[in-house]
Amino acid sequence: MNWFLLQVTNPATTATADSLQKAATAGAPQGEHTMNVMDMLSNGGPIMIPLGLLFVLAVFFFFERLIAISKASKIDPNFMYIIRDNIFSGNVSAARSLAKNTPNPVARIIDKGLQRIGKPIEAIEKSMENVGKLEVYKMERNLSVLSLVYGIAPMFGFLGTIFGMLQLFYNINASGEFTPAQIAGGIYTKMITSASGLIIGLLAYVGYNFLNAQIDKTVNRMEAASAEFIDILQEPTR
């Protein structure tokens, strides 16, 4: 009886205990609310498998093309000066040897022009233009994979979300039981595929346009070298 009266007559003690308990609970780590990327991706469902394959393809072909285009764009700034001096001195064989031993598109175009020396300028330009088209094709090869990835990755993501939403509402209709937390959790997991598809598509799009910009720079160098070579052939000999 005395204990009961003590509890009734001392509400401050109870309030203090409750406050301490709430503070301890608030200070405790809330592990259930942390976001783990791998767990989140695994919740995306089977559609994450083709999305993962698309991501691997995009990364592989981006770096493969980046290395190839970087090699193609490297050229000695003195290359055309040496070609000019050899042509003016009549040493065409030395110019051809230099062009053959220089592994880049500009050198191969100039080598084709050197092979056609003595023919009309129009024939030389046509031969060099054909070689230039082949070199551009070599640089653009496999870029279509990146364009395919940035085109279909978001579609795969949306498809996964649609299938997930259909499954969610089918389960709700079949069971007749649902709560806001269940619906929010289901929508959250199904939106993972859309987010993943958009991110993969965005990365592929950026990579595709970056590589195209590098190809355009190399093509400009090829065109400038071709024009300079034609000018050399039309200049009067020293």
C-alpha atoms as a PDB file:
ATOM      1  CA  MET A   1       0.000   0.000   0.000  1.00  0.00           C
ATOM      2  CA  ASN A   2       2.803   2.397   0.850  1.00  0.00           C
ATOM      3  CA  TRP A   3       4.547   1.519  -2.444  1.00  0.00           C
ATOM      4  CA  PHE A   4       1.375   2.322  -4.410  1.00  0.00           C
ATOM      5  CA  LEU A   5       0.982   5.661  -2.679  1.00  0.00           C
ATOM      6  CA  LEU A   6       4.643   6.462  -3.383  1.00  0.00           C
ATOM      7  CA  GLN A   7       4.129   5.903  -7.089  1.00  0.00           C
ATOM      8  CA  VAL A   8       0.983   8.014  -7.150  1.00  0.00           C
ATOM      9  CA  THR A   9       2.387  10.859  -5.134  1.00  0.00           C
ATOM     10  CA  ASN A  10       5.706  10.985  -7.113  1.00  0.00           C
ATOM     11  CA  PRO A  11       4.792  11.477 -10.789  1.00  0.00           C
ATOM     12  CA  ALA A  12       8.105  13.281 -11.385  1.00  0.00           C
ATOM     13  CA  THR A  13       9.970  10.063 -10.811  1.00  0.00           C
ATOM     14  CA  THR A  14       7.941   8.232 -13.436  1.00  0.00           C
ATOM     15  CA  ALA A  15       8.289  11.088 -15.935  1.00  0.00           C
ATOM     16  CA  THR A  16      12.032  11.162 -15.419  1.00  0.00           C
ATOM     17  CA  ALA A  17      12.316   7.437 -16.038  1.00  0.00           C
ATOM     18  CA  ASP A  18      10.241   7.710 -19.214  1.00  0.00           C
ATOM     19  CA  SER A  19      12.379  10.565 -20.462  1.00  0.00           C
ATOM     20  CA  LEU A  20      15.573   8.601 -19.895  1.00  0.00           C
ATOM     21  CA  GLN A  21      14.157   5.605 -21.702  1.00  0.00           C
ATOM     22  CA  LYS A  22      13.127   7.716 -24.720  1.00  0.00           C
ATOM     23  CA  ALA A  23      16.543   9.376 -24.830  1.00  0.00           C
ATOM     24  CA  ALA A  24      18.282   6.009 -24.759  1.00  0.00           C
ATOM     25  CA  THR A  25      16.040   4.732 -27.519  1.00  0.00           C
ATOM     26  CA  ALA A  26      16.656   7.831 -29.652  1.00  0.00           C
ATOM     27  CA  GLY A  27      20.394   7.527 -29.179  1.00  0.00           C
ATOM     28  CA  ALA A  28      20.475   3.903 -30.238  1.00  0.00           C
ATOM     29  CA  PRO A  29      21.567   3.207 -33.834  1.00  0.00           C
ATOM     30  CA  GLN A  30      18.623   2.683 -36.156  1.00  0.00           C
ATOM     31  CA  GLY A  31      20.096  -0.070 -38.315  1.00  0.00           C
ATOM     32  CA  GLU A  32      16.828  -0.884 -39.975  1.00  0.00           C
ATOM     33  CA  HIS A  33      16.735   2.526 -41.729  1.00  0.00           C
ATOM     34  CA  THR A  34      20.202   2.385 -43.321  1.00  0.00           C
ATOM     35  CA  MET A  35      20.393   1.950 -47.093  1.00  0.00           C
ATOM     36  CA  ASN A  36      22.678  -0.758 -48.488  1.00  0.00           C
ATOM     37  CA  VAL A  37      23.344  -0.418 -52.212  1.00  0.00           C
ATOM     38  CA  MET A  38      23.798  -4.128 -52.859  1.00  0.00           C
ATOM     39  CA  ASP A  39      20.627  -5.014 -50.970  1.00  0.00           C
ATOM     40  CA  MET A  40      18.770  -2.311 -52.830  1.00  0.00           C
ATOM     41  CA  LEU A  41      19.938  -3.618 -56.221  1.00  0.00           C
ATOM     42  CA  SER A  42      19.063  -7.189 -55.273  1.00  0.00           C
ATOM     43  CA  ASN A  43      15.519  -6.032 -54.535  1.00  0.00           C
ATOM     44  CA  GLY A  44      15.161  -4.934 -58.153  1.00  0.00           C
ATOM     45  CA  GLY A  45      14.276  -8.437 -59.277  1.00  0.00           C
ATOM     46  CA  PRO A  46      15.304 -10.482 -62.337  1.00  0.00           C
ATOM     47  CA  ILE A  47      15.261  -7.436 -64.625  1.00  0.00           C
ATOM     48  CA  MET A  48      18.482  -6.283 -62.918  1.00  0.00           C
ATOM     49  CA  ILE A  49      20.367  -9.095 -64.707  1.00  0.00           C
ATOM     50  CA  PRO A  50      19.972  -7.659 -68.249  1.00  0.00           C
ATOM     51  CA  LEU A  51      20.552  -4.178 -66.847  1.00  0.00           C
ATOM     52  CA  GLY A  52      23.816  -5.385 -65.322  1.00  0.00           C
ATOM     53  CA  LEU A  53      24.849  -6.916 -68.658  1.00  0.00           C
ATOM     54  CA  LEU A  54      24.080  -3.648 -70.434  1.00  0.00           C
ATOM     55  CA  PHE A  55      26.212  -1.770 -67.920  1.00  0.00           C
ATOM     56  CA  VAL A  56      29.148  -4.148 -68.445  1.00  0.00           C
ATOM     57  CA  LEU A  57      28.842  -3.808 -72.238  1.00  0.00           C
ATOM     58  CA  ALA A  58      28.760  -0.026 -72.013  1.00  0.00           C
ATOM     59  CA  VAL A  59      31.847   0.143 -69.799  1.00  0.00           C
ATOM     60  CA  PHE A  60      33.814  -2.369 -71.895  1.00  0.00           C
ATOM     61  CA  PHE A  61      33.144  -0.800 -75.280  1.00  0.00           C
ATOM     62  CA  PHE A  62      33.641   2.730 -73.960  1.00  0.00           C
ATOM     63  CA  PHE A  63      37.175   2.001 -72.819  1.00  0.00           C
ATOM     64  CA  GLU A  64      37.903  -0.165 -75.859  1.00  0.00           C
ATOM     65  CA  ARG A  65      36.920   2.654 -78.224  1.00  0.00           C
ATOM     66  CA  LEU A  66      38.608   5.282 -76.052  1.00  0.00           C
ATOM     67  CA  ILE A  67      41.946   3.481 -76.318  1.00  0.00           C
ATOM     68  CA  ALA A  68      41.571   2.933 -80.077  1.00  0.00           C
ATOM     69  CA  ILE A  69      40.576   6.545 -80.782  1.00  0.00           C
ATOM     70  CA  SER A  70      43.356   7.891 -78.563  1.00  0.00           C
ATOM     71  CA  LYS A  71      45.904   5.887 -80.550  1.00  0.00           C
ATOM     72  CA  ALA A  72      44.430   7.096 -83.832  1.00  0.00           C
ATOM     73  CA  SER A  73      44.590  10.745 -82.786  1.00  0.00           C
ATOM     74  CA  LYS A  74      48.307  10.706 -81.904  1.00  0.00           C
ATOM     75  CA  ILE A  75      50.545  12.153 -84.608  1.00  0.00           C
ATOM     76  CA  ASP A  76      53.897  13.865 -84.693  1.00  0.00           C
ATOM     77  CA  PRO A  77      53.357  17.615 -85.243  1.00  0.00           C
ATOM     78  CA  ASN A  78      56.381  17.591 -87.588  1.00  0.00           C
ATOM     79  CA  PHE A  79      54.951  14.795 -89.751  1.00  0.00           C
ATOM     80  CA  MET A  80      53.633  16.986 -92.549  1.00  0.00           C
ATOM     81  CA  TYR A  81      56.773  19.167 -92.527  1.00  0.00           C
ATOM     82  CA  ILE A  82      58.923  16.094 -93.129  1.00  0.00           C
ATOM     83  CA  ILE A  83      56.585  14.910 -95.897  1.00  0.00           C
ATOM     84  CA  ARG A  84      56.767  18.345 -97.526  1.00  0.00           C
ATOM     85  CA  ASP A  85      60.577  18.439 -97.419  1.00  0.00           C
ATOM     86  CA  ASN A  86      60.872  14.941 -98.886  1.00  0.00           C
ATOM     87  CA  ILE A  87      58.464  15.744-101.727  1.00  0.00           C
ATOM     88  CA  PHE A  88      60.209  19.001-102.580  1.00  0.00           C
ATOM     89  CA  SER A  89      63.567  17.245-102.587  1.00  0.00           C
ATOM     90  CA  GLY A  90      62.185  14.506-104.853  1.00  0.00           C
ATOM     91  CA  ASN A  91      62.652  11.804-102.245  1.00  0.00           C
ATOM     92  CA  VAL A  92      59.164  10.309-102.481  1.00  0.00           C
ATOM     93  CA  SER A  93      60.366   6.889-101.276  1.00  0.00           C
ATOM     94  CA  ALA A  94      61.490   8.406 -97.964  1.00  0.00           C
ATOM     95  CA  ALA A  95      58.117  10.111 -97.598  1.00  0.00           C
ATOM     96  CA  ARG A  96      56.335   6.815 -98.247  1.00  0.00           C
ATOM     97  CA  SER A  97      58.555   5.007 -95.775  1.00  0.00           C
ATOM     98  CA  LEU A  98      57.719   7.571 -93.098  1.00  0.00           C
ATOM     99  CA  ALA A  99      53.998   7.323 -93.836  1.00  0.00           C
ATOM    100  CA  LYS A 100      54.012   3.516 -93.745  1.00  0.00           C
ATOM    101  CA  ASN A 101      55.851   3.409 -90.429  1.00  0.00           C
ATOM    102  CA  THR A 102      53.495   5.896 -88.756  1.00  0.00           C
ATOM    103  CA  PRO A 103      50.470   3.978 -87.386  1.00  0.00           C
ATOM    104  CA  ASN A 104      47.621   6.496 -87.526  1.00  0.00           C
ATOM    105  CA  PRO A 105      44.853   7.440 -89.985  1.00  0.00           C
ATOM    106  CA  VAL A 106      46.543  10.654 -91.150  1.00  0.00           C
ATOM    107  CA  ALA A 107      49.666   8.777 -92.195  1.00  0.00           C
ATOM    108  CA  ARG A 108      47.646   6.141 -94.059  1.00  0.00           C
ATOM    109  CA  ILE A 109      45.762   8.816 -95.976  1.00  0.00           C
ATOM    110  CA  ILE A 110      49.013  10.555 -96.926  1.00  0.00           C
ATOM    111  CA  ASP A 111      50.545   7.222 -97.946  1.00  0.00           C
ATOM    112  CA  LYS A 112      47.637   6.645-100.338  1.00  0.00           C
ATOM    113  CA  GLY A 113      48.207  10.093-101.803  1.00  0.00           C
ATOM    114  CA  LEU A 114      51.933   9.414-102.220  1.00  0.00           C
ATOM    115  CA  GLN A 115      51.104   6.218-104.105  1.00  0.00           C
ATOM    116  CA  ARG A 116      49.026   8.231-106.578  1.00  0.00           C
ATOM    117  CA  ILE A 117      51.607  10.942-107.287  1.00  0.00           C
ATOM    118  CA  GLY A 118      51.743  11.579-111.024  1.00  0.00           C
ATOM    119  CA  LYS A 119      48.014  11.089-111.522  1.00  0.00           C
ATOM    120  CA  PRO A 120      45.450  13.925-111.778  1.00  0.00           C
ATOM    121  CA  ILE A 121      44.731  15.809-108.569  1.00  0.00           C
ATOM    122  CA  GLU A 122      41.092  14.698-108.666  1.00  0.00           C
ATOM    123  CA  ALA A 123      42.142  11.044-108.699  1.00  0.00           C
ATOM    124  CA  ILE A 124      44.526  11.603-105.792  1.00  0.00           C
ATOM    125  CA  GLU A 125      41.830  13.385-103.764  1.00  0.00           C
ATOM    126  CA  LYS A 126      39.325  10.604-104.459  1.00  0.00           C
ATOM    127  CA  SER A 127      41.747   7.896-103.339  1.00  0.00           C
ATOM    128  CA  MET A 128      42.580   9.781-100.160  1.00  0.00           C
ATOM    129  CA  GLU A 129      38.899  10.394 -99.471  1.00  0.00           C
ATOM    130  CA  ASN A 130      38.125   6.671 -99.762  1.00  0.00           C
ATOM    131  CA  VAL A 131      40.879   5.833 -97.293  1.00  0.00           C
ATOM    132  CA  GLY A 132      39.573   8.538 -94.960  1.00  0.00           C
ATOM    133  CA  LYS A 133      36.101   6.992 -94.991  1.00  0.00           C
ATOM    134  CA  LEU A 134      37.546   3.609 -94.064  1.00  0.00           C
ATOM    135  CA  GLU A 135      39.515   5.155 -91.200  1.00  0.00           C
ATOM    136  CA  VAL A 136      36.422   6.914 -89.864  1.00  0.00           C
ATOM    137  CA  TYR A 137      34.520   3.637 -90.019  1.00  0.00           C
ATOM    138  CA  LYS A 138      37.269   1.941 -88.006  1.00  0.00           C
ATOM    139  CA  MET A 139      37.041   4.589 -85.299  1.00  0.00           C
ATOM    140  CA  GLU A 140      33.234   4.480 -85.174  1.00  0.00           C
ATOM    141  CA  ARG A 141      33.120   0.692 -85.002  1.00  0.00           C
ATOM    142  CA  ASN A 142      31.305  -0.627 -81.892  1.00  0.00           C
ATOM    143  CA  LEU A 143      29.976   2.825 -81.004  1.00  0.00           C
ATOM    144  CA  SER A 144      26.578   1.448 -81.983  1.00  0.00           C
ATOM    145  CA  VAL A 145      26.723  -0.704 -78.839  1.00  0.00           C
ATOM    146  CA  LEU A 146      26.785   2.420 -76.672  1.00  0.00           C
ATOM    147  CA  SER A 147      23.909   3.947 -78.612  1.00  0.00           C
ATOM    148  CA  LEU A 148      21.967   0.706 -78.162  1.00  0.00           C
ATOM    149  CA  VAL A 149      22.612   0.711 -74.414  1.00  0.00           C
ATOM    150  CA  TYR A 150      21.511   4.300 -73.844  1.00  0.00           C
ATOM    151  CA  GLY A 151      18.415   3.595 -75.927  1.00  0.00           C
ATOM    152  CA  ILE A 152      17.152   0.396 -74.303  1.00  0.00           C
ATOM    153  CA  ALA A 153      18.503   0.553 -70.724  1.00  0.00           C
ATOM    154  CA  PRO A 154      15.805   3.036 -69.571  1.00  0.00           C
ATOM    155  CA  MET A 155      13.171   0.927 -71.330  1.00  0.00           C
ATOM    156  CA  PHE A 156      14.299  -2.163 -69.448  1.00  0.00           C
ATOM    157  CA  GLY A 157      14.127  -0.178 -66.224  1.00  0.00           C
ATOM    158  CA  PHE A 158      10.589   1.002 -66.877  1.00  0.00           C
ATOM    159  CA  LEU A 159       9.575  -2.515 -67.895  1.00  0.00           C
ATOM    160  CA  GLY A 160      10.844  -3.884 -64.595  1.00  0.00           C
ATOM    161  CA  THR A 161       8.916  -1.228 -62.694  1.00  0.00           C
ATOM    162  CA  ILE A 162       5.705  -1.975 -64.581  1.00  0.00           C
ATOM    163  CA  PHE A 163       5.991  -5.712 -63.956  1.00  0.00           C
ATOM    164  CA  GLY A 164       6.738  -5.060 -60.303  1.00  0.00           C
ATOM    165  CA  MET A 165       3.740  -2.786 -59.904  1.00  0.00           C
ATOM    166  CA  LEU A 166       1.483  -5.345 -61.590  1.00  0.00           C
ATOM    167  CA  GLN A 167       2.738  -8.000 -59.194  1.00  0.00           C
ATOM    168  CA  LEU A 168       2.232  -5.719 -56.201  1.00  0.00           C
ATOM    169  CA  PHE A 169      -1.371  -4.853 -57.033  1.00  0.00           C
ATOM    170  CA  TYR A 170      -2.149  -8.447 -57.971  1.00  0.00           C
ATOM    171  CA  ASN A 171      -0.999  -9.596 -54.534  1.00  0.00           C
ATOM    172  CA  ILE A 172      -3.070  -6.858 -52.870  1.00  0.00           C
ATOM    173  CA  ASN A 173      -6.131  -7.876 -54.876  1.00  0.00           C
ATOM    174  CA  ALA A 174      -5.619 -11.565 -54.145  1.00  0.00           C
ATOM    175  CA  SER A 175      -5.057 -11.185 -50.415  1.00  0.00           C
ATOM    176  CA  GLY A 176      -7.321  -8.237 -49.755  1.00  0.00           C
ATOM    177  CA  GLU A 177      -4.871  -7.044 -47.138  1.00  0.00           C
ATOM    178  CA  PHE A 178      -2.681  -4.027 -47.506  1.00  0.00           C
ATOM    179  CA  THR A 179      -1.153  -1.232 -45.493  1.00  0.00           C
ATOM    180  CA  PRO A 180       0.454   2.041 -46.555  1.00  0.00           C
ATOM    181  CA  ALA A 181       3.821   0.640 -45.449  1.00  0.00           C
ATOM    182  CA  GLN A 182       3.418  -2.421 -47.667  1.00  0.00           C
ATOM    183  CA  ILE A 183       2.467  -0.330 -50.681  1.00  0.00           C
ATOM    184  CA  ALA A 184       5.322   2.127 -50.130  1.00  0.00           C
ATOM    185  CA  GLY A 185       7.816  -0.710 -49.708  1.00  0.00           C
ATOM    186  CA  GLY A 186       6.616  -2.426 -52.866  1.00  0.00           C
ATOM    187  CA  ILE A 187       6.766   0.754 -54.932  1.00  0.00           C
ATOM    188  CA  TYR A 188      10.236   1.538 -53.544  1.00  0.00           C
ATOM    189  CA  THR A 189      11.683  -1.815 -54.586  1.00  0.00           C
ATOM    190  CA  LYS A 190      10.089  -1.668 -58.027  1.00  0.00           C
ATOM    191  CA  MET A 191      11.371   1.843 -58.741  1.00  0.00           C
ATOM    192  CA  ILE A 192      14.935   0.543 -58.365  1.00  0.00           C
ATOM    193  CA  THR A 193      14.881  -0.834 -61.906  1.00  0.00           C
ATOM    194  CA  SER A 194      13.770   2.509 -63.354  1.00  0.00           C
ATOM    195  CA  ALA A 195      16.521   4.371 -61.511  1.00  0.00           C
ATOM    196  CA  SER A 196      19.137   1.821 -62.560  1.00  0.00           C
ATOM    197  CA  GLY A 197      18.050   1.908 -66.196  1.00  0.00           C
ATOM    198  CA  LEU A 198      18.124   5.701 -66.301  1.00  0.00           C
ATOM    199  CA  ILE A 199      21.584   5.857 -64.715  1.00  0.00           C
ATOM    200  CA  ILE A 200      23.016   3.255 -67.114  1.00  0.00           C
ATOM    201  CA  GLY A 201      21.424   4.995 -70.096  1.00  0.00           C
ATOM    202  CA  LEU A 202      22.770   8.365 -68.992  1.00  0.00           C
ATOM    203  CA  LEU A 203      26.310   7.030 -68.591  1.00  0.00           C
ATOM    204  CA  ALA A 204      26.173   5.361 -72.008  1.00  0.00           C
ATOM    205  CA  TYR A 205      24.831   8.550 -73.595  1.00  0.00           C
ATOM    206  CA  VAL A 206      27.597  10.684 -72.111  1.00  0.00           C
ATOM    207  CA  GLY A 207      30.240   8.157 -73.177  1.00  0.00           C
ATOM    208  CA  TYR A 208      28.829   7.941 -76.714  1.00  0.00           C
ATOM    209  CA  ASN A 209      28.872  11.694 -77.225  1.00  0.00           C
ATOM    210  CA  PHE A 210      32.326  12.053 -75.680  1.00  0.00           C
ATOM    211  CA  LEU A 211      33.776   9.471 -78.075  1.00  0.00           C
ATOM    212  CA  ASN A 212      32.041  11.096 -81.039  1.00  0.00           C
ATOM    213  CA  ALA A 213      33.621  14.407 -80.087  1.00  0.00           C
ATOM    214  CA  GLN A 214      37.063  12.756 -80.055  1.00  0.00           C
ATOM    215  CA  ILE A 215      36.395  11.207 -83.465  1.00  0.00           C
ATOM    216  CA  ASP A 216      35.383  14.602 -84.862  1.00  0.00           C
ATOM    217  CA  LYS A 217      38.691  16.072 -83.703  1.00  0.00           C
ATOM    218  CA  THR A 218      40.617  13.286 -85.433  1.00  0.00           C
ATOM    219  CA  VAL A 219      38.569  13.677 -88.618  1.00  0.00           C
ATOM    220  CA  ASN A 220      39.376  17.396 -88.665  1.00  0.00           C
ATOM    221  CA  ARG A 221      43.080  16.555 -88.460  1.00  0.00           C
ATOM    222  CA  MET A 222      42.690  14.080 -91.305  1.00  0.00           C
ATOM    223  CA  GLU A 223      40.944  16.658 -93.481  1.00  0.00           C
ATOM    224  CA  ALA A 224      43.545  19.315 -92.672  1.00  0.00           C
ATOM    225  CA  ALA A 225      46.402  16.934 -93.533  1.00  0.00           C
ATOM    226  CA  SER A 226      44.720  15.930 -96.806  1.00  0.00           C
ATOM    227  CA  ALA A 227      44.216  19.560 -97.821  1.00  0.00           C
ATOM    228  CA  GLU A 228      47.827  20.377 -96.923  1.00  0.00           C
ATOM    229  CA  PHE A 229      49.091  17.420 -98.942  1.00  0.00           C
ATOM    230  CA  ILE A 230      47.152  18.546-102.030  1.00  0.00           C
ATOM    231  CA  ASP A 231      48.565  22.048-101.598  1.00  0.00           C
ATOM    232  CA  ILE A 232      52.082  20.586-101.448  1.00  0.00           C
ATOM    233  CA  LEU A 233      51.548  18.754-104.737  1.00  0.00           C
ATOM    234  CA  GLN A 234      50.274  21.940-106.392  1.00  0.00           C
ATOM    235  CA  GLU A 235      53.076  24.173-105.144  1.00  0.00           C
ATOM    236  CA  PRO A 236      55.892  24.898-107.572  1.00  0.00           C
ATOM    237  CA  THR A 237      59.024  22.869-106.895  1.00  0.00           C
ATOM    238  CA  ARG A 238      61.965  24.607-105.291  1.00  0.00           C
END
